[in-house]
PDB file of N, CA and C in Angstrom:
ATOM      1  N   MET A   1       1.860   4.559   6.766  1.00  0.00           N
ATOM      2  CA  MET A   1       0.900   5.275   6.327  1.00  0.00           C
ATOM      3  C   MET A   1       0.387   5.963   5.029  1.00  0.00           C
ATOM      4  N   ILE A   2      -1.092   6.087   5.375  1.00  0.00           N
ATOM      5  CA  ILE A   2      -1.651   6.309   4.083  1.00  0.00           C
ATOM      6  C   ILE A   2      -2.080   7.707   4.115  1.00  0.00           C
ATOM      7  N   ASN A   3      -2.034   8.287   3.081  1.00  0.00           N
ATOM      8  CA  ASN A   3      -2.833   9.372   2.725  1.00  0.00           C
ATOM      9  C   ASN A   3      -3.455   8.901   2.001  1.00  0.00           C
ATOM     10  N   TYR A   4      -4.840   9.429   1.858  1.00  0.00           N
ATOM     11  CA  TYR A   4      -5.874   9.234   0.409  1.00  0.00           C
ATOM     12  C   TYR A   4      -6.837  11.459   0.761  1.00  0.00           C
ATOM     13  N   THR A   5      -7.838  10.962  -0.797  1.00  0.00           N
ATOM     14  CA  THR A   5      -8.294  12.266  -0.854  1.00  0.00           C
ATOM     15  C   THR A   5      -8.941  11.892  -0.757  1.00  0.00           C
ATOM     16  N   VAL A   6     -10.432  12.607  -1.505  1.00  0.00           N
ATOM     17  CA  VAL A   6     -11.701  12.324  -1.266  1.00  0.00           C
ATOM     18  C   VAL A   6     -12.671  13.224  -2.290  1.00  0.00           C
ATOM     19  N   ARG A   7     -12.791  13.124  -3.438  1.00  0.00           N
ATOM     20  CA  ARG A   7     -12.983  14.444  -4.408  1.00  0.00           C
ATOM     21  C   ARG A   7     -14.609  15.091  -3.661  1.00  0.00           C
ATOM     22  N   ASP A   8     -15.575  14.670  -3.425  1.00  0.00           N
ATOM     23  CA  ASP A   8     -16.710  14.397  -3.118  1.00  0.00           C
ATOM     24  C   ASP A   8     -16.885  14.413  -1.445  1.00  0.00           C
ATOM     25  N   VAL A   9     -16.521  15.751  -1.352  1.00  0.00           N
ATOM     26  CA  VAL A   9     -16.582  14.846   0.882  1.00  0.00           C
ATOM     27  C   VAL A   9     -18.337  15.035   1.317  1.00  0.00           C
ATOM     28  N   ASN A  10     -18.617  16.446   0.657  1.00  0.00           N
ATOM     29  CA  ASN A  10     -20.021  16.665   1.218  1.00  0.00           C
ATOM     30  C   ASN A  10     -20.303  15.145   2.003  1.00  0.00           C
ATOM     31  N   ASN A  11     -21.141  14.499   1.398  1.00  0.00           N
ATOM     32  CA  ASN A  11     -21.410  13.170   1.967  1.00  0.00           C
ATOM     33  C   ASN A  11     -20.477  11.170   2.429  1.00  0.00           C
ATOM     34  N   VAL A  12     -19.473  11.855   2.501  1.00  0.00           N
ATOM     35  CA  VAL A  12     -18.859  11.072   2.939  1.00  0.00           C
ATOM     36  C   VAL A  12     -18.625  10.330   4.092  1.00  0.00           C
ATOM     37  N   GLN A  13     -19.051   9.324   4.698  1.00  0.00           N
ATOM     38  CA  GLN A  13     -19.823   8.749   5.748  1.00  0.00           C
ATOM     39  C   GLN A  13     -18.542   7.704   6.487  1.00  0.00           C
ATOM     40  N   ALA A  14     -17.717   7.112   6.333  1.00  0.00           N
ATOM     41  CA  ALA A  14     -16.442   6.818   6.751  1.00  0.00           C
ATOM     42  C   ALA A  14     -15.501   6.106   5.339  1.00  0.00           C
ATOM     43  N   CYS A  15     -14.551   5.888   5.819  1.00  0.00           N
ATOM     44  CA  CYS A  15     -13.209   5.235   4.947  1.00  0.00           C
ATOM     45  C   CYS A  15     -11.873   4.461   5.962  1.00  0.00           C
ATOM     46  N   TRP A  16     -12.052   3.553   4.523  1.00  0.00           N
ATOM     47  CA  TRP A  16     -10.851   2.407   6.105  1.00  0.00           C
ATOM     48  C   TRP A  16     -10.361   1.333   4.539  1.00  0.00           C
ATOM     49  N   TYR A  17      -8.892   0.780   5.384  1.00  0.00           N
ATOM     50  CA  TYR A  17      -8.008   0.587   4.042  1.00  0.00           C
ATOM     51  C   TYR A  17      -7.860  -1.405   4.277  1.00  0.00           C
ATOM     52  N   SER A  18      -7.204  -1.862   3.525  1.00  0.00           N
ATOM     53  CA  SER A  18      -6.865  -2.869   3.421  1.00  0.00           C
ATOM     54  C   SER A  18      -5.525  -2.825   3.267  1.00  0.00           C
ATOM     55  N   THR A  19      -4.828  -4.063   3.510  1.00  0.00           N
ATOM     56  CA  THR A  19      -3.686  -4.575   3.145  1.00  0.00           C
ATOM     57  C   THR A  19      -3.432  -5.870   1.848  1.00  0.00           C
ATOM     58  N   ASN A  20      -4.355  -6.315   2.289  1.00  0.00           N
ATOM     59  CA  ASN A  20      -4.560  -7.427   1.511  1.00  0.00           C
ATOM     60  C   ASN A  20      -6.107  -7.938   0.486  1.00  0.00           C
ATOM     61  N   ASN A  21      -5.610  -7.105  -0.034  1.00  0.00           N
ATOM     62  CA  ASN A  21      -6.990  -7.245  -1.044  1.00  0.00           C
ATOM     63  C   ASN A  21      -8.367  -7.316  -1.005  1.00  0.00           C
ATOM     64  N   GLY A  22      -8.480  -6.597   0.568  1.00  0.00           N
ATOM     65  CA  GLY A  22     -10.098  -6.582   1.060  1.00  0.00           C
ATOM     66  C   GLY A  22     -10.548  -8.254   1.865  1.00  0.00           C
ATOM     67  N   ILE A  23      -9.329  -8.685   2.146  1.00  0.00           N
ATOM     68  CA  ILE A  23      -9.644  -9.657   2.626  1.00  0.00           C
ATOM     69  C   ILE A  23      -9.737 -10.147   4.388  1.00  0.00           C
ATOM     70  N   THR A  24      -8.685  -8.801   4.595  1.00  0.00           N
ATOM     71  CA  THR A  24      -8.983  -8.070   6.069  1.00  0.00           C
ATOM     72  C   THR A  24      -8.752  -6.368   6.160  1.00  0.00           C
ATOM     73  N   ASN A  25      -9.623  -6.352   6.607  1.00  0.00           N
ATOM     74  CA  ASN A  25      -9.894  -4.505   6.153  1.00  0.00           C
ATOM     75  C   ASN A  25      -9.861  -3.724   7.415  1.00  0.00           C
ATOM     76  N   SER A  26      -8.907  -2.469   7.827  1.00  0.00           N
ATOM     77  CA  SER A  26      -9.036  -1.463   8.974  1.00  0.00           C
ATOM     78  C   SER A  26     -10.407  -1.062   9.451  1.00  0.00           C
ATOM     79  N   SER A  27     -10.228  -0.601  11.037  1.00  0.00           N
ATOM     80  CA  SER A  27     -11.672  -0.324  11.302  1.00  0.00           C
ATOM     81  C   SER A  27     -11.792   0.800  10.188  1.00  0.00           C
ATOM     82  N   LYS A  28     -12.966   1.233  10.750  1.00  0.00           N
ATOM     83  CA  LYS A  28     -14.371   2.143   9.712  1.00  0.00           C
ATOM     84  C   LYS A  28     -13.395   3.903  10.384  1.00  0.00           C
ATOM     85  N   THR A  29     -13.166   4.565   9.503  1.00  0.00           N
ATOM     86  CA  THR A  29     -12.914   5.989  10.434  1.00  0.00           C
ATOM     87  C   THR A  29     -13.703   7.561   9.678  1.00  0.00           C
ATOM     88  N   THR A  30     -13.754   8.063   9.886  1.00  0.00           N
ATOM     89  CA  THR A  30     -14.316   9.894   9.414  1.00  0.00           C
ATOM     90  C   THR A  30     -12.951   9.870   7.688  1.00  0.00           C
ATOM     91  N   TYR A  31     -13.863  10.537   7.764  1.00  0.00           N
ATOM     92  CA  TYR A  31     -12.752  11.069   6.162  1.00  0.00           C
ATOM     93  C   TYR A  31     -11.573  12.288   6.592  1.00  0.00           C
ATOM     94  N   GLY A  32     -11.108  11.941   6.200  1.00  0.00           N
ATOM     95  CA  GLY A  32      -9.709  13.260   6.878  1.00  0.00           C
ATOM     96  C   GLY A  32      -9.126  12.337   7.649  1.00  0.00           C
ATOM     97  N   ALA A  33      -9.336  11.398   8.479  1.00  0.00           N
ATOM     98  CA  ALA A  33      -8.271  10.974   9.081  1.00  0.00           C
ATOM     99  C   ALA A  33      -7.125  10.056   8.117  1.00  0.00           C
ATOM    100  N   ASN A  34      -6.432   9.855   8.531  1.00  0.00           N
ATOM    101  CA  ASN A  34      -5.134   9.328   7.865  1.00  0.00           C
ATOM    102  C   ASN A  34      -5.109   7.671   8.537  1.00  0.00           C
ATOM    103  N   PHE A  35      -4.284   7.391   7.709  1.00  0.00           N
ATOM    104  CA  PHE A  35      -4.039   5.733   8.275  1.00  0.00           C
ATOM    105  C   PHE A  35      -2.564   5.538   8.514  1.00  0.00           C
ATOM    106  N   THR A  36      -1.929   5.878   9.726  1.00  0.00           N
ATOM    107  CA  THR A  36      -1.015   5.475  10.432  1.00  0.00           C
ATOM    108  C   THR A  36      -0.696   3.784  11.545  1.00  0.00           C
ATOM    109  N   ASN A  37       0.697   3.907  11.573  1.00  0.00           N
ATOM    110  CA  ASN A  37       1.033   2.234  11.892  1.00  0.00           C
ATOM    111  C   ASN A  37       0.777   1.161  10.583  1.00  0.00           C
ATOM    112  N   VAL A  38       0.742   1.605   9.634  1.00  0.00           N
ATOM    113  CA  VAL A  38       0.018   0.480   8.613  1.00  0.00           C
ATOM    114  C   VAL A  38       1.410   0.176   7.955  1.00  0.00           C
ATOM    115  N   ILE A  39       1.717  -0.760   8.091  1.00  0.00           N
ATOM    116  CA  ILE A  39       3.334  -1.606   7.442  1.00  0.00           C
ATOM    117  C   ILE A  39       3.362  -2.113   6.154  1.00  0.00           C
ATOM    118  N   SER A  40       4.606  -2.128   5.816  1.00  0.00           N
ATOM    119  CA  SER A  40       3.957  -3.061   4.201  1.00  0.00           C
ATOM    120  C   SER A  40       4.965  -4.370   4.659  1.00  0.00           C
ATOM    121  N   THR A  41       4.914  -5.556   2.976  1.00  0.00           N
ATOM    122  CA  THR A  41       5.577  -6.718   3.536  1.00  0.00           C
ATOM    123  C   THR A  41       6.699  -6.404   2.904  1.00  0.00           C
ATOM    124  N   GLU A  42       7.448  -7.406   2.813  1.00  0.00           N
ATOM    125  CA  GLU A  42       9.000  -7.927   1.628  1.00  0.00           C
ATOM    126  C   GLU A  42       7.764  -8.069   0.823  1.00  0.00           C
ATOM    127  N   GLY A  43       8.274  -7.481  -0.646  1.00  0.00           N
ATOM    128  CA  GLY A  43       7.447  -8.231  -1.959  1.00  0.00           C
ATOM    129  C   GLY A  43       6.276  -7.412  -2.284  1.00  0.00           C
ATOM    130  N   SER A  44       5.841  -7.610  -3.549  1.00  0.00           N
ATOM    131  CA  SER A  44       4.596  -7.255  -3.201  1.00  0.00           C
ATOM    132  C   SER A  44       3.543  -6.988  -2.702  1.00  0.00           C
ATOM    133  N   ASN A  45       2.562  -5.414  -2.618  1.00  0.00           N
ATOM    134  CA  ASN A  45       1.827  -4.786  -2.203  1.00  0.00           C
ATOM    135  C   ASN A  45       0.917  -4.239  -2.040  1.00  0.00           C
ATOM    136  N   ASN A  46      -0.161  -4.920  -1.779  1.00  0.00           N
ATOM    137  CA  ASN A  46      -1.190  -4.054  -2.637  1.00  0.00           C
ATOM    138  C   ASN A  46      -2.475  -3.050  -1.526  1.00  0.00           C
ATOM    139  N   TRP A  47      -2.140  -2.194  -1.737  1.00  0.00           N
ATOM    140  CA  TRP A  47      -3.089  -1.187  -0.378  1.00  0.00           C
ATOM    141  C   TRP A  47      -4.415  -0.914  -1.118  1.00  0.00           C
ATOM    142  N   ILE A  48      -5.206  -0.137  -0.435  1.00  0.00           N
ATOM    143  CA  ILE A  48      -6.792  -0.333  -1.136  1.00  0.00           C
ATOM    144  C   ILE A  48      -7.482   0.454  -0.126  1.00  0.00           C
ATOM    145  N   VAL A  49      -7.614   1.604  -0.420  1.00  0.00           N
ATOM    146  CA  VAL A  49      -8.596   2.941   0.389  1.00  0.00           C
ATOM    147  C   VAL A  49     -10.430   2.762   0.480  1.00  0.00           C
ATOM    148  N   TYR A  50     -10.914   2.396   1.072  1.00  0.00           N
ATOM    149  CA  TYR A  50     -12.342   2.653   0.528  1.00  0.00           C
ATOM    150  C   TYR A  50     -12.251   3.400   1.290  1.00  0.00           C
ATOM    151  N   CYS A  51     -14.379   4.543   0.819  1.00  0.00           N
ATOM    152  CA  CYS A  51     -14.754   4.917   1.305  1.00  0.00           C
ATOM    153  C   CYS A  51     -16.364   5.099   0.723  1.00  0.00           C
ATOM    154  N   ASN A  52     -16.986   4.686   1.711  1.00  0.00           N
ATOM    155  CA  ASN A  52     -18.829   4.934   1.215  1.00  0.00           C
ATOM    156  C   ASN A  52     -19.512   6.779   1.994  1.00  0.00           C
ATOM    157  N   ASP A  53     -20.371   6.774   0.552  1.00  0.00           N
ATOM    158  CA  ASP A  53     -20.764   8.127   1.237  1.00  0.00           C
ATOM    159  C   ASP A  53     -22.655   7.486   2.348  1.00  0.00           C
ATOM    160  N   THR A  54     -23.549   8.680   1.650  1.00  0.00           N
ATOM    161  CA  THR A  54     -24.570   8.392   3.082  1.00  0.00           C
ATOM    162  C   THR A  54     -25.480   7.725   2.025  1.00  0.00           C
ATOM    163  N   PHE A  55     -25.108   7.522   1.076  1.00  0.00           N
ATOM    164  CA  PHE A  55     -25.990   6.810   0.165  1.00  0.00           C
ATOM    165  C   PHE A  55     -26.033   5.973  -0.827  1.00  0.00           C
ATOM    166  N   GLY A  56     -24.779   5.447   0.497  1.00  0.00           N
ATOM    167  CA  GLY A  56     -24.443   4.243   0.119  1.00  0.00           C
ATOM    168  C   GLY A  56     -23.599   3.457  -1.141  1.00  0.00           C
ATOM    169  N   ASN A  57     -23.053   4.538  -2.351  1.00  0.00           N
ATOM    170  CA  ASN A  57     -21.779   4.432  -2.602  1.00  0.00           C
ATOM    171  C   ASN A  57     -20.445   4.280  -2.520  1.00  0.00           C
ATOM    172  N   LEU A  58     -19.598   3.453  -2.850  1.00  0.00           N
ATOM    173  CA  LEU A  58     -18.336   2.720  -2.608  1.00  0.00           C
ATOM    174  C   LEU A  58     -17.524   3.208  -3.642  1.00  0.00           C
ATOM    175  N   GLY A  59     -16.881   3.731  -3.069  1.00  0.00           N
ATOM    176  CA  GLY A  59     -15.683   4.145  -4.165  1.00  0.00           C
ATOM    177  C   GLY A  59     -14.558   4.038  -3.415  1.00  0.00           C
ATOM    178  N   LEU A  60     -12.893   3.197  -4.091  1.00  0.00           N
ATOM    179  CA  LEU A  60     -11.750   2.409  -3.865  1.00  0.00           C
ATOM    180  C   LEU A  60     -10.669   3.233  -4.926  1.00  0.00           C
ATOM    181  N   THR A  61     -10.056   3.332  -3.987  1.00  0.00           N
ATOM    182  CA  THR A  61      -8.226   3.434  -4.951  1.00  0.00           C
ATOM    183  C   THR A  61      -7.109   2.784  -4.831  1.00  0.00           C
ATOM    184  N   SER A  62      -6.651   2.109  -5.485  1.00  0.00           N
ATOM    185  CA  SER A  62      -5.356   1.345  -4.863  1.00  0.00           C
ATOM    186  C   SER A  62      -3.979   1.570  -5.293  1.00  0.00           C
ATOM    187  N   VAL A  63      -2.964   1.375  -4.749  1.00  0.00           N
ATOM    188  CA  VAL A  63      -1.598   1.148  -5.156  1.00  0.00           C
ATOM    189  C   VAL A  63      -1.055   0.159  -4.786  1.00  0.00           C
ATOM    190  N   THR A  64      -0.222  -0.859  -5.934  1.00  0.00           N
ATOM    191  CA  THR A  64       0.474  -1.531  -5.593  1.00  0.00           C
ATOM    192  C   THR A  64       2.258  -0.781  -6.201  1.00  0.00           C
ATOM    193  N   PHE A  65       2.833  -1.624  -4.970  1.00  0.00           N
ATOM    194  CA  PHE A  65       4.526  -1.418  -4.602  1.00  0.00           C
ATOM    195  C   PHE A  65       4.933  -2.603  -4.539  1.00  0.00           C
ATOM    196  N   ASN A  66       5.936  -2.601  -4.227  1.00  0.00           N
ATOM    197  CA  ASN A  66       7.099  -3.694  -4.636  1.00  0.00           C
ATOM    198  C   ASN A  66       8.522  -3.353  -3.335  1.00  0.00           C
ATOM    199  N   LYS A  67       8.237  -3.698  -2.000  1.00  0.00           N
ATOM    200  CA  LYS A  67       9.254  -3.663  -1.314  1.00  0.00           C
ATOM    201  C   LYS A  67      10.318  -4.774  -0.977  1.00  0.00           C
ATOM    202  N   ASP A  68      11.851  -4.160  -1.827  1.00  0.00           N
ATOM    203  CA  ASP A  68      12.455  -4.221  -1.380  1.00  0.00           C
ATOM    204  C   ASP A  68      13.794  -3.934  -0.997  1.00  0.00           C
ATOM    205  N   THR A  69      14.015  -4.945   0.823  1.00  0.00           N
ATOM    206  CA  THR A  69      14.983  -4.547   1.849  1.00  0.00           C
ATOM    207  C   THR A  69      16.216  -5.525   1.621  1.00  0.00           C
ATOM    208  N   ILE A  70      16.565  -6.143   0.766  1.00  0.00           N
ATOM    209  CA  ILE A  70      17.424  -7.294   0.861  1.00  0.00           C
ATOM    210  C   ILE A  70      18.542  -7.036   0.178  1.00  0.00           C
ATOM    211  N   LYS A  71      19.537  -7.320   0.780  1.00  0.00           N
ATOM    212  CA  LYS A  71      20.766  -6.053   0.194  1.00  0.00           C
ATOM    213  C   LYS A  71      21.494  -7.819  -0.972  1.00  0.00           C
ATOM    214  N   PRO A  72      21.759  -6.939  -2.241  1.00  0.00           N
ATOM    215  CA  PRO A  72      21.789  -8.043  -2.967  1.00  0.00           C
ATOM    216  C   PRO A  72      24.175  -8.374  -2.968  1.00  0.00           C
ATOM    217  N   LEU A  73      23.491  -9.911  -3.046  1.00  0.00           N
ATOM    218  CA  LEU A  73      25.453 -10.193  -2.366  1.00  0.00           C
ATOM    219  C   LEU A  73      25.926 -10.700  -3.794  1.00  0.00           C
ATOM    220  N   ILE A  74      26.877  -9.957  -3.696  1.00  0.00           N
ATOM    221  CA  ILE A  74      27.465  -9.492  -5.275  1.00  0.00           C
ATOM    222  C   ILE A  74      29.538 -10.038  -5.006  1.00  0.00           C
ATOM    223  N   ASP A  75      29.849 -11.018  -5.208  1.00  0.00           N
ATOM    224  CA  ASP A  75      31.138 -11.786  -5.694  1.00  0.00           C
ATOM    225  C   ASP A  75      31.548 -10.842  -6.581  1.00  0.00           C
ATOM    226  N   PHE A  76      33.440 -10.566  -6.029  1.00  0.00           N
ATOM    227  CA  PHE A  76      33.761 -10.082  -7.329  1.00  0.00           C
ATOM    228  C   PHE A  76      34.828 -10.555  -7.001  1.00  0.00           C
ATOM    229  N   VAL A  77      35.590 -11.538  -8.760  1.00  0.00           N
ATOM    230  CA  VAL A  77      36.043 -12.789  -8.826  1.00  0.00           C
ATOM    231  C   VAL A  77      37.365 -12.117  -9.912  1.00  0.00           C
ATOM    232  N   SER A  78      38.078 -11.910  -9.123  1.00  0.00           N
ATOM    233  CA  SER A  78      39.357 -10.856 -10.116  1.00  0.00           C
ATOM    234  C   SER A  78      39.894 -12.251 -12.004  1.00  0.00           C
ATOM    235  N   PRO A  79      40.137 -11.263 -12.721  1.00  0.00           N
ATOM    236  CA  PRO A  79      40.124 -12.751 -13.752  1.00  0.00           C
ATOM    237  C   PRO A  79      41.629 -12.908 -13.639  1.00  0.00           C
ATOM    238  N   THR A  80      41.948 -13.873 -14.384  1.00  0.00           N
ATOM    239  CA  THR A  80      42.655 -14.774 -13.911  1.00  0.00           C
ATOM    240  C   THR A  80      43.860 -15.028 -15.132  1.00  0.00           C
ATOM    241  N   GLU A  81      44.975 -15.257 -15.325  1.00  0.00           N
ATOM    242  CA  GLU A  81      46.085 -14.648 -16.399  1.00  0.00           C
ATOM    243  C   GLU A  81      45.960 -16.528 -16.880  1.00  0.00           C
ATOM    244  N   THR A  82      46.134 -16.498 -18.119  1.00  0.00           N
ATOM    245  CA  THR A  82      46.047 -18.007 -18.852  1.00  0.00           C
ATOM    246  C   THR A  82      47.674 -17.554 -19.828  1.00  0.00           C
ATOM    247  N   ASN A  83      48.285 -18.934 -19.794  1.00  0.00           N
ATOM    248  CA  ASN A  83      49.073 -19.379 -21.496  1.00  0.00           C
ATOM    249  C   ASN A  83      48.854 -19.396 -22.116  1.00  0.00           C
ATOM    250  N   ASN A  84      49.119 -18.961 -23.316  1.00  0.00           N
ATOM    251  CA  ASN A  84      49.633 -19.306 -23.994  1.00  0.00           C
ATOM    252  C   ASN A  84      50.528 -20.007 -24.734  1.00  0.00           C
TER     253      ASN A  84
END
């Protein structure tokens, strides 16, 4: 889920998001509707939320985070005794 806040809400026309640096964008929605069913991927994620106003101004903000769901492999090796 992406929750966002716009500072100047008086003239907001639409908001949308991208999870791949603007290559693919969601459908535009009215301000105040948070985005649900947004799926992050393993590794680095960069999510951008865009909003424009009725004057044609565009604002955006982004967040980058890393998703790591792979469990580490740990191999415990007991020390061996040496004879001197």
